[in-house]
């Protein structure tokens, strides 16, 4: 599968197998590579993936209806199990309402930063409110999700308005990739923030994918 990060941002990923007897994960495009890696590592041949465009994170009010449409489409294909690999992601509880209505399970957590570190561990950090977080995907798509949408490429003076209350950038890495660490360090410098790196791996994600209940 030769999808680029830009394609995962803009168009997402369509499922390619049939539905009968299979489990479908409806996920954010920003999680595609991690889910596919875990599928391969664990030999989860029953598991299939479809992803909504990662850029929906810029418009979180659109996520619940987009998930609703994907669930309806999947049920028409006869999947045995459908699960939602989105945290709340800024929907203010609306995604949970949709999942409850449609009787599908979503991964626990307020955002992917939390479940990548482990929701319990993440909740124990006292500095969460003053930290700006990146994952592997967001480091690679920093300009598409941060620099350009926030207008910093055109108006650098907005930096203090947007990031004035942040103290540091925390990179939660899934892969052990020194090049991505350096890239994230540079991005922290661009934002005028201290840099911290925590290698989390996949956190709570494998347990959610593996659980067929």
N, C-alpha and C. Protein backbone atom coordinates (compact mmCIF):
# COMPACT_ATOMS: atom_id res chain seq x y z
N UNK A 1 0.85 -1.18 0.00
CA UNK A 1 0.00 0.00 0.00
C UNK A 1 0.89 1.24 0.00
N UNK A 2 0.82 2.01 -1.08
CA UNK A 2 1.77 3.10 -1.27
C UNK A 2 1.16 4.47 -1.04
N UNK A 3 0.28 4.57 -0.06
CA UNK A 3 -0.32 5.86 0.24
C UNK A 3 0.72 6.80 0.86
N UNK A 4 0.62 8.07 0.51
CA UNK A 4 1.49 9.06 1.13
C UNK A 4 0.78 9.69 2.32
N UNK A 5 1.54 10.35 3.17
CA UNK A 5 0.94 11.05 4.30
C UNK A 5 0.00 12.15 3.82
N UNK A 6 0.34 12.77 2.70
CA UNK A 6 -0.53 13.81 2.15
C UNK A 6 -1.88 13.22 1.73
N UNK A 7 -1.87 12.03 1.14
CA UNK A 7 -3.12 11.38 0.75
C UNK A 7 -3.95 11.01 1.97
N UNK A 8 -3.29 10.53 3.02
CA UNK A 8 -4.01 10.22 4.26
C UNK A 8 -4.61 11.47 4.88
N UNK A 9 -3.95 12.60 4.69
CA UNK A 9 -4.47 13.87 5.18
C UNK A 9 -5.69 14.32 4.39
N UNK A 10 -5.60 14.24 3.07
CA UNK A 10 -6.61 14.83 2.20
C UNK A 10 -7.77 13.89 1.87
N UNK A 11 -7.50 12.60 1.64
CA UNK A 11 -8.54 11.71 1.14
C UNK A 11 -8.81 10.50 2.01
N UNK A 12 -7.93 10.16 2.93
CA UNK A 12 -8.14 9.00 3.78
C UNK A 12 -7.77 7.71 3.08
N UNK A 13 -8.43 6.63 3.47
CA UNK A 13 -8.09 5.30 2.97
C UNK A 13 -9.36 4.47 2.87
N UNK A 14 -9.60 3.87 1.72
CA UNK A 14 -10.77 3.02 1.53
C UNK A 14 -10.43 1.56 1.86
N UNK A 15 -11.38 0.87 2.48
CA UNK A 15 -11.22 -0.57 2.72
C UNK A 15 -11.20 -1.31 1.39
N UNK A 16 -10.46 -2.41 1.33
CA UNK A 16 -10.26 -3.09 0.06
C UNK A 16 -10.79 -4.52 0.04
N UNK A 17 -11.14 -5.10 1.19
CA UNK A 17 -11.60 -6.49 1.24
C UNK A 17 -13.12 -6.54 1.40
N UNK A 18 -13.67 -7.75 1.33
CA UNK A 18 -15.09 -7.95 1.58
C UNK A 18 -15.40 -7.88 3.06
N UNK A 19 -16.70 -7.79 3.40
CA UNK A 19 -17.07 -7.58 4.78
C UNK A 19 -17.41 -8.82 5.57
N UNK A 20 -17.87 -9.88 4.95
CA UNK A 20 -18.39 -11.03 5.67
C UNK A 20 -17.35 -11.63 6.62
N UNK A 21 -17.73 -11.71 7.90
CA UNK A 21 -16.88 -12.33 8.90
C UNK A 21 -15.66 -11.53 9.30
N UNK A 22 -15.58 -10.29 8.85
CA UNK A 22 -14.40 -9.48 9.12
C UNK A 22 -14.73 -8.34 10.07
N UNK A 23 -13.68 -7.77 10.68
CA UNK A 23 -13.82 -6.63 11.57
C UNK A 23 -13.31 -5.38 10.85
N UNK A 24 -14.11 -4.33 10.85
CA UNK A 24 -13.71 -3.08 10.20
C UNK A 24 -13.39 -2.03 11.26
N UNK A 25 -12.22 -1.44 11.14
CA UNK A 25 -11.84 -0.30 11.95
C UNK A 25 -12.05 0.97 11.13
N UNK A 26 -12.89 1.86 11.62
CA UNK A 26 -13.10 3.17 11.00
C UNK A 26 -12.24 4.15 11.77
N UNK A 27 -11.20 4.67 11.12
CA UNK A 27 -10.18 5.43 11.84
C UNK A 27 -9.89 6.76 11.17
N UNK A 28 -9.18 7.59 11.90
CA UNK A 28 -8.61 8.82 11.36
C UNK A 28 -7.41 8.47 10.48
N UNK A 29 -7.25 9.18 9.38
CA UNK A 29 -6.11 8.94 8.50
C UNK A 29 -4.77 9.09 9.19
N UNK A 30 -4.72 9.87 10.28
CA UNK A 30 -3.48 10.06 11.02
C UNK A 30 -3.05 8.81 11.76
N UNK A 31 -3.92 7.80 11.83
CA UNK A 31 -3.62 6.56 12.55
C UNK A 31 -3.40 5.38 11.61
N UNK A 32 -3.51 5.61 10.31
CA UNK A 32 -3.49 4.50 9.35
C UNK A 32 -2.22 3.67 9.45
N UNK A 33 -1.08 4.31 9.46
CA UNK A 33 0.19 3.56 9.42
C UNK A 33 0.37 2.72 10.68
N UNK A 34 -0.04 3.26 11.82
CA UNK A 34 0.10 2.52 13.07
C UNK A 34 -0.81 1.29 13.08
N UNK A 35 -2.06 1.46 12.62
CA UNK A 35 -3.00 0.33 12.61
C UNK A 35 -2.54 -0.74 11.63
N UNK A 36 -2.07 -0.33 10.46
CA UNK A 36 -1.59 -1.31 9.48
C UNK A 36 -0.34 -2.03 9.98
N UNK A 37 0.53 -1.31 10.69
CA UNK A 37 1.72 -1.95 11.26
C UNK A 37 1.34 -2.99 12.30
N UNK A 38 0.39 -2.66 13.17
CA UNK A 38 -0.04 -3.61 14.20
C UNK A 38 -0.76 -4.80 13.58
N UNK A 39 -1.51 -4.57 12.52
CA UNK A 39 -2.16 -5.67 11.82
C UNK A 39 -1.11 -6.65 11.29
N UNK A 40 -0.06 -6.12 10.69
CA UNK A 40 0.99 -6.98 10.13
C UNK A 40 1.77 -7.69 11.23
N UNK A 41 2.15 -6.97 12.27
CA UNK A 41 2.94 -7.55 13.36
C UNK A 41 2.20 -8.71 14.02
N UNK A 42 0.89 -8.55 14.19
CA UNK A 42 0.11 -9.53 14.94
C UNK A 42 -0.62 -10.54 14.07
N UNK A 43 -0.53 -10.39 12.75
CA UNK A 43 -1.19 -11.32 11.86
C UNK A 43 -2.70 -11.27 11.94
N UNK A 44 -3.25 -10.06 12.14
CA UNK A 44 -4.70 -9.90 12.26
C UNK A 44 -5.33 -9.86 10.87
N UNK A 45 -5.45 -11.00 10.24
CA UNK A 45 -5.96 -11.06 8.88
C UNK A 45 -7.45 -10.75 8.79
N UNK A 46 -8.16 -10.91 9.91
CA UNK A 46 -9.59 -10.62 9.93
C UNK A 46 -9.89 -9.13 9.96
N UNK A 47 -8.87 -8.34 10.27
CA UNK A 47 -9.07 -6.91 10.51
C UNK A 47 -8.89 -6.12 9.22
N UNK A 48 -9.82 -5.22 8.97
CA UNK A 48 -9.76 -4.37 7.80
C UNK A 48 -9.86 -2.91 8.25
N UNK A 49 -9.30 -2.02 7.45
CA UNK A 49 -9.20 -0.61 7.83
C UNK A 49 -9.75 0.30 6.76
N UNK A 50 -10.54 1.28 7.20
CA UNK A 50 -10.90 2.40 6.34
C UNK A 50 -10.66 3.67 7.14
N UNK A 51 -10.18 4.71 6.49
CA UNK A 51 -9.81 5.94 7.20
C UNK A 51 -10.47 7.16 6.58
N UNK A 52 -10.99 8.00 7.44
CA UNK A 52 -11.45 9.31 7.02
C UNK A 52 -10.23 10.23 6.87
N UNK A 53 -10.35 11.30 6.08
CA UNK A 53 -9.21 12.21 5.91
C UNK A 53 -8.74 12.79 7.24
N UNK A 54 -7.44 12.78 7.46
CA UNK A 54 -6.91 13.31 8.71
C UNK A 54 -7.21 14.79 8.88
N UNK A 55 -7.42 15.51 7.79
CA UNK A 55 -7.67 16.95 7.88
C UNK A 55 -8.99 17.28 8.57
N UNK A 56 -9.83 16.27 8.82
CA UNK A 56 -11.06 16.53 9.57
C UNK A 56 -10.75 17.04 10.97
N UNK A 57 -9.53 16.82 11.46
CA UNK A 57 -9.16 17.35 12.77
C UNK A 57 -9.18 18.87 12.78
N UNK A 58 -9.09 19.48 11.62
CA UNK A 58 -9.20 20.93 11.54
C UNK A 58 -10.65 21.38 11.61
N UNK A 59 -11.57 20.44 11.44
CA UNK A 59 -13.01 20.72 11.46
C UNK A 59 -13.72 19.64 12.28
N UNK A 60 -13.46 19.58 13.59
CA UNK A 60 -13.95 18.45 14.41
C UNK A 60 -15.47 18.32 14.43
N UNK A 61 -16.20 19.39 14.15
CA UNK A 61 -17.65 19.29 14.12
C UNK A 61 -18.15 18.39 12.99
N UNK A 62 -17.27 18.13 11.99
CA UNK A 62 -17.66 17.28 10.87
C UNK A 62 -17.39 15.79 11.12
N UNK A 63 -16.63 15.48 12.17
CA UNK A 63 -16.23 14.09 12.42
C UNK A 63 -17.43 13.19 12.73
N UNK A 64 -18.37 13.58 13.62
CA UNK A 64 -19.46 12.65 13.94
C UNK A 64 -20.28 12.24 12.72
N UNK A 65 -20.65 13.17 11.87
CA UNK A 65 -21.45 12.81 10.69
C UNK A 65 -20.65 11.97 9.70
N UNK A 66 -19.35 12.26 9.59
CA UNK A 66 -18.50 11.46 8.69
C UNK A 66 -18.40 10.03 9.19
N UNK A 67 -18.27 9.84 10.50
CA UNK A 67 -18.24 8.50 11.08
C UNK A 67 -19.59 7.81 10.87
N UNK A 68 -20.66 8.54 11.08
CA UNK A 68 -22.00 7.97 10.89
C UNK A 68 -22.16 7.41 9.46
N UNK A 69 -21.72 8.19 8.48
CA UNK A 69 -21.83 7.76 7.09
C UNK A 69 -20.99 6.51 6.82
N UNK A 70 -19.78 6.45 7.41
CA UNK A 70 -18.91 5.28 7.23
C UNK A 70 -19.51 4.03 7.86
N UNK A 71 -20.13 4.18 9.02
CA UNK A 71 -20.76 3.03 9.68
C UNK A 71 -21.90 2.51 8.82
N UNK A 72 -22.72 3.42 8.30
CA UNK A 72 -23.83 3.00 7.44
C UNK A 72 -23.33 2.26 6.21
N UNK A 73 -22.28 2.78 5.61
CA UNK A 73 -21.69 2.13 4.44
C UNK A 73 -21.17 0.74 4.78
N UNK A 74 -20.50 0.63 5.94
CA UNK A 74 -19.92 -0.65 6.35
C UNK A 74 -21.00 -1.68 6.64
N UNK A 75 -22.10 -1.25 7.25
CA UNK A 75 -23.18 -2.20 7.57
C UNK A 75 -23.82 -2.74 6.30
N UNK A 76 -23.78 -1.97 5.26
CA UNK A 76 -24.28 -2.46 3.98
C UNK A 76 -23.40 -3.52 3.36
N UNK A 77 -22.17 -3.65 3.88
CA UNK A 77 -21.24 -4.65 3.35
C UNK A 77 -21.13 -5.88 4.24
N UNK A 78 -21.87 -5.90 5.34
CA UNK A 78 -21.96 -7.11 6.15
C UNK A 78 -20.81 -7.40 7.08
N UNK A 79 -20.10 -6.39 7.56
CA UNK A 79 -19.01 -6.64 8.49
C UNK A 79 -19.54 -7.23 9.79
N UNK A 80 -18.80 -8.16 10.36
CA UNK A 80 -19.20 -8.81 11.61
C UNK A 80 -19.10 -7.83 12.78
N UNK A 81 -18.02 -7.04 12.81
CA UNK A 81 -17.78 -6.08 13.88
C UNK A 81 -17.30 -4.77 13.27
N UNK A 82 -17.78 -3.65 13.81
CA UNK A 82 -17.33 -2.33 13.38
C UNK A 82 -16.89 -1.57 14.63
N UNK A 83 -15.69 -1.02 14.61
CA UNK A 83 -15.17 -0.24 15.73
C UNK A 83 -14.62 1.09 15.22
N UNK A 84 -14.64 2.09 16.08
CA UNK A 84 -14.25 3.45 15.69
C UNK A 84 -12.93 3.81 16.38
N UNK A 85 -11.90 4.06 15.58
CA UNK A 85 -10.60 4.40 16.14
C UNK A 85 -10.41 5.92 16.03
N UNK A 86 -11.24 6.60 16.78
CA UNK A 86 -11.16 8.04 17.01
C UNK A 86 -11.30 8.25 18.51
N UNK A 87 -10.51 9.14 19.07
CA UNK A 87 -10.81 9.63 20.41
C UNK A 87 -11.92 10.67 20.27
N UNK A 88 -12.23 11.41 21.32
CA UNK A 88 -13.26 12.45 21.19
C UNK A 88 -12.84 13.49 20.15
N UNK A 89 -11.57 13.83 20.12
CA UNK A 89 -10.97 14.66 19.07
C UNK A 89 -11.67 16.01 18.88
N UNK A 90 -12.07 16.62 19.99
CA UNK A 90 -12.65 17.96 19.90
C UNK A 90 -14.11 18.00 19.51
N UNK A 91 -14.80 16.84 19.51
CA UNK A 91 -16.21 16.83 19.12
C UNK A 91 -17.13 17.17 20.29
N UNK A 92 -16.57 17.35 21.47
CA UNK A 92 -17.38 17.75 22.63
C UNK A 92 -18.44 16.72 23.02
N UNK A 93 -18.12 15.45 22.84
CA UNK A 93 -19.05 14.39 23.21
C UNK A 93 -20.00 13.98 22.10
N UNK A 94 -20.03 14.71 20.99
CA UNK A 94 -20.96 14.38 19.90
C UNK A 94 -20.61 13.05 19.24
N UNK A 95 -19.32 12.73 19.15
CA UNK A 95 -18.95 11.45 18.56
C UNK A 95 -19.42 10.30 19.44
N UNK A 96 -19.33 10.46 20.75
CA UNK A 96 -19.83 9.42 21.64
C UNK A 96 -21.33 9.22 21.46
N UNK A 97 -22.06 10.30 21.25
CA UNK A 97 -23.50 10.19 21.04
C UNK A 97 -23.81 9.39 19.78
N UNK A 98 -23.03 9.64 18.72
CA UNK A 98 -23.22 8.90 17.47
C UNK A 98 -22.89 7.42 17.67
N UNK A 99 -21.77 7.15 18.35
CA UNK A 99 -21.36 5.76 18.57
C UNK A 99 -22.37 5.01 19.42
N UNK A 100 -22.91 5.69 20.43
CA UNK A 100 -23.93 5.05 21.27
C UNK A 100 -25.19 4.77 20.46
N UNK A 101 -25.59 5.74 19.65
CA UNK A 101 -26.79 5.56 18.82
C UNK A 101 -26.62 4.39 17.85
N UNK A 102 -25.43 4.28 17.26
CA UNK A 102 -25.19 3.24 16.25
C UNK A 102 -24.70 1.94 16.86
N UNK A 103 -24.46 1.95 18.18
CA UNK A 103 -24.00 0.77 18.91
C UNK A 103 -22.68 0.25 18.36
N UNK A 104 -21.73 1.17 18.22
CA UNK A 104 -20.36 0.80 17.87
C UNK A 104 -19.44 1.34 18.95
N UNK A 105 -18.35 0.63 19.18
CA UNK A 105 -17.40 1.00 20.22
C UNK A 105 -16.32 1.90 19.64
N UNK A 106 -15.91 2.92 20.40
CA UNK A 106 -14.76 3.73 20.00
C UNK A 106 -13.66 3.59 21.04
N UNK A 107 -12.44 3.85 20.64
CA UNK A 107 -11.32 3.78 21.56
C UNK A 107 -11.44 4.88 22.61
N UNK A 108 -11.11 4.55 23.84
CA UNK A 108 -11.24 5.51 24.94
C UNK A 108 -10.17 6.58 24.86
N UNK A 109 -10.54 7.79 25.27
CA UNK A 109 -9.56 8.87 25.37
C UNK A 109 -10.07 10.16 24.78
N UNK A 110 -9.57 11.28 25.28
CA UNK A 110 -9.98 12.59 24.75
C UNK A 110 -9.34 12.91 23.41
N UNK A 111 -8.17 12.33 23.15
CA UNK A 111 -7.44 12.56 21.90
C UNK A 111 -6.39 11.47 21.75
N UNK A 112 -5.79 11.38 20.56
CA UNK A 112 -4.85 10.29 20.31
C UNK A 112 -3.58 10.43 21.13
N UNK A 113 -3.23 11.65 21.53
CA UNK A 113 -2.05 11.81 22.37
C UNK A 113 -2.22 11.01 23.66
N UNK A 114 -3.44 11.03 24.19
CA UNK A 114 -3.72 10.33 25.43
C UNK A 114 -3.64 8.82 25.26
N UNK A 115 -4.30 8.28 24.24
CA UNK A 115 -4.27 6.81 24.13
C UNK A 115 -2.95 6.30 23.61
N UNK A 116 -2.16 7.12 22.90
CA UNK A 116 -0.82 6.67 22.51
C UNK A 116 0.09 6.55 23.73
N UNK A 117 -0.03 7.45 24.67
CA UNK A 117 0.79 7.33 25.87
C UNK A 117 0.19 6.34 26.85
N UNK A 118 -1.09 6.08 26.69
CA UNK A 118 -1.85 5.30 27.66
C UNK A 118 -2.69 6.29 28.45
N UNK A 119 -4.02 6.13 28.41
CA UNK A 119 -4.89 7.15 29.02
C UNK A 119 -4.58 7.38 30.49
N UNK A 120 -4.29 6.33 31.22
CA UNK A 120 -4.02 6.50 32.65
C UNK A 120 -2.73 7.27 32.86
N UNK A 121 -1.68 6.92 32.12
CA UNK A 121 -0.40 7.61 32.25
C UNK A 121 -0.52 9.07 31.84
N UNK A 122 -1.20 9.31 30.71
CA UNK A 122 -1.34 10.68 30.23
C UNK A 122 -2.05 11.56 31.25
N UNK A 123 -3.08 11.02 31.89
CA UNK A 123 -3.87 11.80 32.85
C UNK A 123 -3.06 12.20 34.08
N UNK A 124 -1.95 11.51 34.33
CA UNK A 124 -1.14 11.80 35.52
C UNK A 124 -0.16 12.94 35.31
N UNK A 125 -0.02 13.43 34.06
CA UNK A 125 0.92 14.53 33.81
C UNK A 125 0.31 15.86 34.25
N UNK A 126 1.00 16.62 35.09
CA UNK A 126 0.45 17.90 35.55
C UNK A 126 0.59 19.03 34.53
N UNK A 127 1.40 18.82 33.48
CA UNK A 127 1.70 19.91 32.55
C UNK A 127 0.91 19.82 31.25
N UNK A 128 -0.11 18.96 31.21
CA UNK A 128 -0.82 18.74 29.96
C UNK A 128 -1.41 20.01 29.39
N UNK A 129 -1.91 20.90 30.24
CA UNK A 129 -2.62 22.08 29.78
C UNK A 129 -1.69 23.10 29.11
N UNK A 130 -0.40 23.05 29.41
CA UNK A 130 0.53 24.01 28.82
C UNK A 130 1.44 23.37 27.77
N UNK A 131 1.08 22.17 27.31
CA UNK A 131 1.91 21.45 26.34
C UNK A 131 1.17 21.33 25.00
N UNK A 132 1.93 21.46 23.93
CA UNK A 132 1.43 21.25 22.58
C UNK A 132 2.02 19.93 22.10
N UNK A 133 1.15 19.02 21.61
CA UNK A 133 1.58 17.65 21.33
C UNK A 133 1.66 17.37 19.83
N UNK A 134 2.62 16.50 19.49
CA UNK A 134 2.73 15.97 18.14
C UNK A 134 2.94 14.46 18.22
N UNK A 135 2.44 13.76 17.21
CA UNK A 135 2.71 12.33 17.01
C UNK A 135 3.60 12.18 15.78
N UNK A 136 3.97 10.96 15.44
CA UNK A 136 4.78 10.74 14.23
C UNK A 136 4.12 11.40 13.01
N UNK A 137 2.83 11.12 12.84
CA UNK A 137 2.12 11.64 11.67
C UNK A 137 2.13 13.17 11.66
N UNK A 138 1.88 13.77 12.81
CA UNK A 138 1.80 15.23 12.86
C UNK A 138 3.15 15.89 12.71
N UNK A 139 4.21 15.22 13.11
CA UNK A 139 5.55 15.75 12.82
C UNK A 139 5.75 15.81 11.31
N UNK A 140 5.36 14.74 10.63
CA UNK A 140 5.56 14.69 9.18
C UNK A 140 4.61 15.63 8.44
N UNK A 141 3.47 15.93 9.04
CA UNK A 141 2.48 16.80 8.41
C UNK A 141 2.33 18.13 9.15
N UNK A 142 3.40 18.58 9.77
CA UNK A 142 3.38 19.79 10.60
C UNK A 142 2.90 21.01 9.82
N UNK A 143 3.41 21.19 8.63
CA UNK A 143 3.01 22.36 7.86
C UNK A 143 1.54 22.30 7.49
N UNK A 144 1.04 21.11 7.15
CA UNK A 144 -0.35 20.96 6.73
C UNK A 144 -1.34 21.12 7.87
N UNK A 145 -0.91 20.78 9.12
CA UNK A 145 -1.84 20.82 10.24
C UNK A 145 -1.62 21.99 11.19
N UNK A 146 -0.42 22.56 11.19
CA UNK A 146 -0.12 23.61 12.16
C UNK A 146 0.29 24.90 11.45
N UNK A 147 1.38 24.85 10.75
CA UNK A 147 2.01 26.07 10.25
C UNK A 147 1.10 26.84 9.28
N UNK A 148 0.54 26.16 8.30
CA UNK A 148 -0.27 26.84 7.29
C UNK A 148 -1.70 27.12 7.76
N UNK A 149 -2.43 26.13 8.35
CA UNK A 149 -3.79 26.43 8.80
C UNK A 149 -3.87 27.54 9.83
N UNK A 150 -2.84 27.67 10.65
CA UNK A 150 -2.85 28.72 11.66
C UNK A 150 -2.33 30.05 11.13
N UNK A 151 -1.94 30.06 9.86
CA UNK A 151 -1.51 31.31 9.24
C UNK A 151 -0.11 31.75 9.59
N UNK A 152 0.68 30.88 10.22
CA UNK A 152 2.01 31.27 10.66
C UNK A 152 2.98 31.42 9.50
N UNK A 153 2.67 30.78 8.37
CA UNK A 153 3.52 30.95 7.19
C UNK A 153 3.39 32.34 6.60
N UNK A 154 2.23 32.98 6.82
CA UNK A 154 1.98 34.31 6.27
C UNK A 154 2.07 35.40 7.31
N UNK A 155 1.75 35.06 8.55
CA UNK A 155 1.72 36.06 9.62
C UNK A 155 2.41 35.50 10.87
N UNK A 156 3.73 35.49 10.88
CA UNK A 156 4.45 34.93 12.03
C UNK A 156 4.14 35.63 13.35
N UNK A 157 3.62 36.85 13.26
CA UNK A 157 3.30 37.58 14.49
C UNK A 157 2.15 36.91 15.26
N UNK A 158 1.41 36.00 14.59
CA UNK A 158 0.33 35.29 15.27
C UNK A 158 0.84 34.27 16.28
N UNK A 159 2.14 33.99 16.23
CA UNK A 159 2.70 32.97 17.12
C UNK A 159 2.39 33.27 18.58
N UNK A 160 2.59 34.51 19.01
CA UNK A 160 2.36 34.84 20.42
C UNK A 160 0.89 34.75 20.79
N UNK A 161 0.01 35.10 19.86
CA UNK A 161 -1.42 35.02 20.13
C UNK A 161 -1.87 33.57 20.29
N UNK A 162 -1.35 32.68 19.43
CA UNK A 162 -1.80 31.29 19.42
C UNK A 162 -1.08 30.45 20.46
N UNK A 163 0.22 30.65 20.61
CA UNK A 163 1.03 29.77 21.45
C UNK A 163 1.57 30.45 22.71
N UNK A 164 1.07 31.64 22.99
CA UNK A 164 1.60 32.39 24.13
C UNK A 164 1.44 31.70 25.47
N UNK A 165 0.41 30.86 25.60
CA UNK A 165 0.17 30.17 26.88
C UNK A 165 0.78 28.77 26.93
N UNK A 166 1.41 28.35 25.84
CA UNK A 166 2.10 27.07 25.84
C UNK A 166 3.53 27.25 26.33
N UNK A 167 4.05 26.22 26.97
CA UNK A 167 5.42 26.26 27.47
C UNK A 167 6.34 25.33 26.70
N UNK A 168 5.81 24.21 26.20
CA UNK A 168 6.68 23.27 25.50
C UNK A 168 5.91 22.46 24.47
N UNK A 169 6.65 21.95 23.53
CA UNK A 169 6.13 21.00 22.56
C UNK A 169 6.59 19.61 22.98
N UNK A 170 5.63 18.68 23.09
CA UNK A 170 5.95 17.31 23.47
C UNK A 170 5.69 16.40 22.28
N UNK A 171 6.73 15.73 21.85
CA UNK A 171 6.62 14.78 20.75
C UNK A 171 6.45 13.39 21.32
N UNK A 172 5.29 12.80 21.09
CA UNK A 172 4.99 11.44 21.50
C UNK A 172 5.24 10.53 20.31
N UNK A 173 6.37 9.85 20.31
CA UNK A 173 6.77 9.07 19.13
C UNK A 173 6.26 7.65 19.21
N UNK A 174 5.83 7.14 18.05
CA UNK A 174 5.44 5.75 17.93
C UNK A 174 6.62 4.91 17.42
N UNK A 175 7.34 5.45 16.44
CA UNK A 175 8.52 4.78 15.91
C UNK A 175 9.78 5.32 16.58
N UNK A 176 10.80 4.51 16.64
CA UNK A 176 12.10 4.94 17.16
C UNK A 176 12.91 5.48 15.98
N UNK A 177 12.71 6.75 15.65
CA UNK A 177 13.28 7.35 14.45
C UNK A 177 13.97 8.65 14.81
N UNK A 178 15.31 8.64 14.93
CA UNK A 178 16.04 9.86 15.30
C UNK A 178 15.78 11.04 14.37
N UNK A 179 15.53 10.76 13.09
CA UNK A 179 15.27 11.85 12.14
C UNK A 179 13.97 12.58 12.49
N UNK A 180 12.95 11.83 12.91
CA UNK A 180 11.71 12.47 13.31
C UNK A 180 11.87 13.25 14.61
N UNK A 181 12.70 12.77 15.51
CA UNK A 181 12.97 13.49 16.75
C UNK A 181 13.59 14.85 16.43
N UNK A 182 14.56 14.87 15.53
CA UNK A 182 15.20 16.13 15.16
C UNK A 182 14.24 17.06 14.43
N UNK A 183 13.37 16.47 13.62
CA UNK A 183 12.37 17.27 12.93
C UNK A 183 11.43 17.92 13.94
N UNK A 184 11.00 17.16 14.93
CA UNK A 184 10.12 17.70 15.97
C UNK A 184 10.83 18.77 16.79
N UNK A 185 12.12 18.55 17.06
CA UNK A 185 12.90 19.54 17.80
C UNK A 185 12.94 20.87 17.05
N UNK A 186 13.11 20.80 15.74
CA UNK A 186 13.12 22.00 14.91
C UNK A 186 11.75 22.68 14.93
N UNK A 187 10.70 21.89 14.93
CA UNK A 187 9.36 22.46 14.95
C UNK A 187 9.08 23.17 16.27
N UNK A 188 9.58 22.62 17.36
CA UNK A 188 9.46 23.31 18.65
C UNK A 188 10.17 24.65 18.61
N UNK A 189 11.34 24.68 17.99
CA UNK A 189 12.09 25.94 17.88
C UNK A 189 11.32 26.94 17.02
N UNK A 190 10.69 26.48 15.96
CA UNK A 190 9.90 27.37 15.11
C UNK A 190 8.77 28.02 15.89
N UNK A 191 8.21 27.27 16.85
CA UNK A 191 7.11 27.80 17.66
C UNK A 191 7.59 28.51 18.91
N UNK A 192 8.91 28.53 19.13
CA UNK A 192 9.46 29.18 20.32
C UNK A 192 9.12 28.45 21.61
N UNK A 193 9.04 27.11 21.54
CA UNK A 193 8.68 26.31 22.71
C UNK A 193 9.83 25.39 23.11
N UNK A 194 9.88 25.05 24.40
CA UNK A 194 10.80 24.02 24.85
C UNK A 194 10.42 22.69 24.20
N UNK A 195 11.38 21.80 24.12
CA UNK A 195 11.13 20.52 23.45
C UNK A 195 11.26 19.36 24.44
N UNK A 196 10.32 18.44 24.35
CA UNK A 196 10.39 17.21 25.14
C UNK A 196 9.98 16.04 24.25
N UNK A 197 10.70 14.95 24.36
CA UNK A 197 10.40 13.75 23.58
C UNK A 197 10.05 12.61 24.53
N UNK A 198 8.89 11.99 24.29
CA UNK A 198 8.50 10.79 25.02
C UNK A 198 8.22 9.70 24.00
N UNK A 199 8.94 8.60 24.09
CA UNK A 199 8.66 7.49 23.18
C UNK A 199 7.57 6.63 23.79
N UNK A 200 6.40 6.62 23.15
CA UNK A 200 5.24 5.92 23.71
C UNK A 200 4.98 4.59 23.03
N UNK A 201 5.48 4.41 21.79
CA UNK A 201 5.03 3.26 21.03
C UNK A 201 3.55 3.42 20.70
N UNK A 202 2.80 2.31 20.78
CA UNK A 202 1.40 2.33 20.36
C UNK A 202 0.41 2.49 21.51
N UNK A 203 0.89 2.49 22.75
CA UNK A 203 0.03 2.77 23.89
C UNK A 203 -1.15 1.81 24.01
N UNK A 204 -2.36 2.39 24.13
CA UNK A 204 -3.57 1.59 24.31
C UNK A 204 -4.13 1.05 22.99
N UNK A 205 -3.55 1.45 21.86
CA UNK A 205 -4.10 1.08 20.57
C UNK A 205 -4.12 -0.44 20.32
N UNK A 206 -3.04 -1.18 20.58
CA UNK A 206 -3.08 -2.63 20.29
C UNK A 206 -4.19 -3.36 21.04
N UNK A 207 -4.39 -3.00 22.31
CA UNK A 207 -5.44 -3.67 23.08
C UNK A 207 -6.83 -3.42 22.52
N UNK A 208 -7.07 -2.22 22.04
CA UNK A 208 -8.37 -1.91 21.45
C UNK A 208 -8.57 -2.67 20.14
N UNK A 209 -7.55 -2.73 19.32
CA UNK A 209 -7.66 -3.43 18.04
C UNK A 209 -7.85 -4.93 18.24
N UNK A 210 -7.19 -5.46 19.24
CA UNK A 210 -7.22 -6.92 19.46
C UNK A 210 -8.52 -7.39 20.09
N UNK A 211 -9.19 -6.51 20.82
CA UNK A 211 -10.39 -6.89 21.56
C UNK A 211 -11.57 -6.97 20.62
N UNK A 212 -12.14 -8.16 20.45
CA UNK A 212 -13.27 -8.35 19.54
C UNK A 212 -14.61 -8.27 20.26
N UNK A 213 -14.58 -7.97 21.56
CA UNK A 213 -15.83 -7.92 22.31
C UNK A 213 -16.70 -6.76 21.86
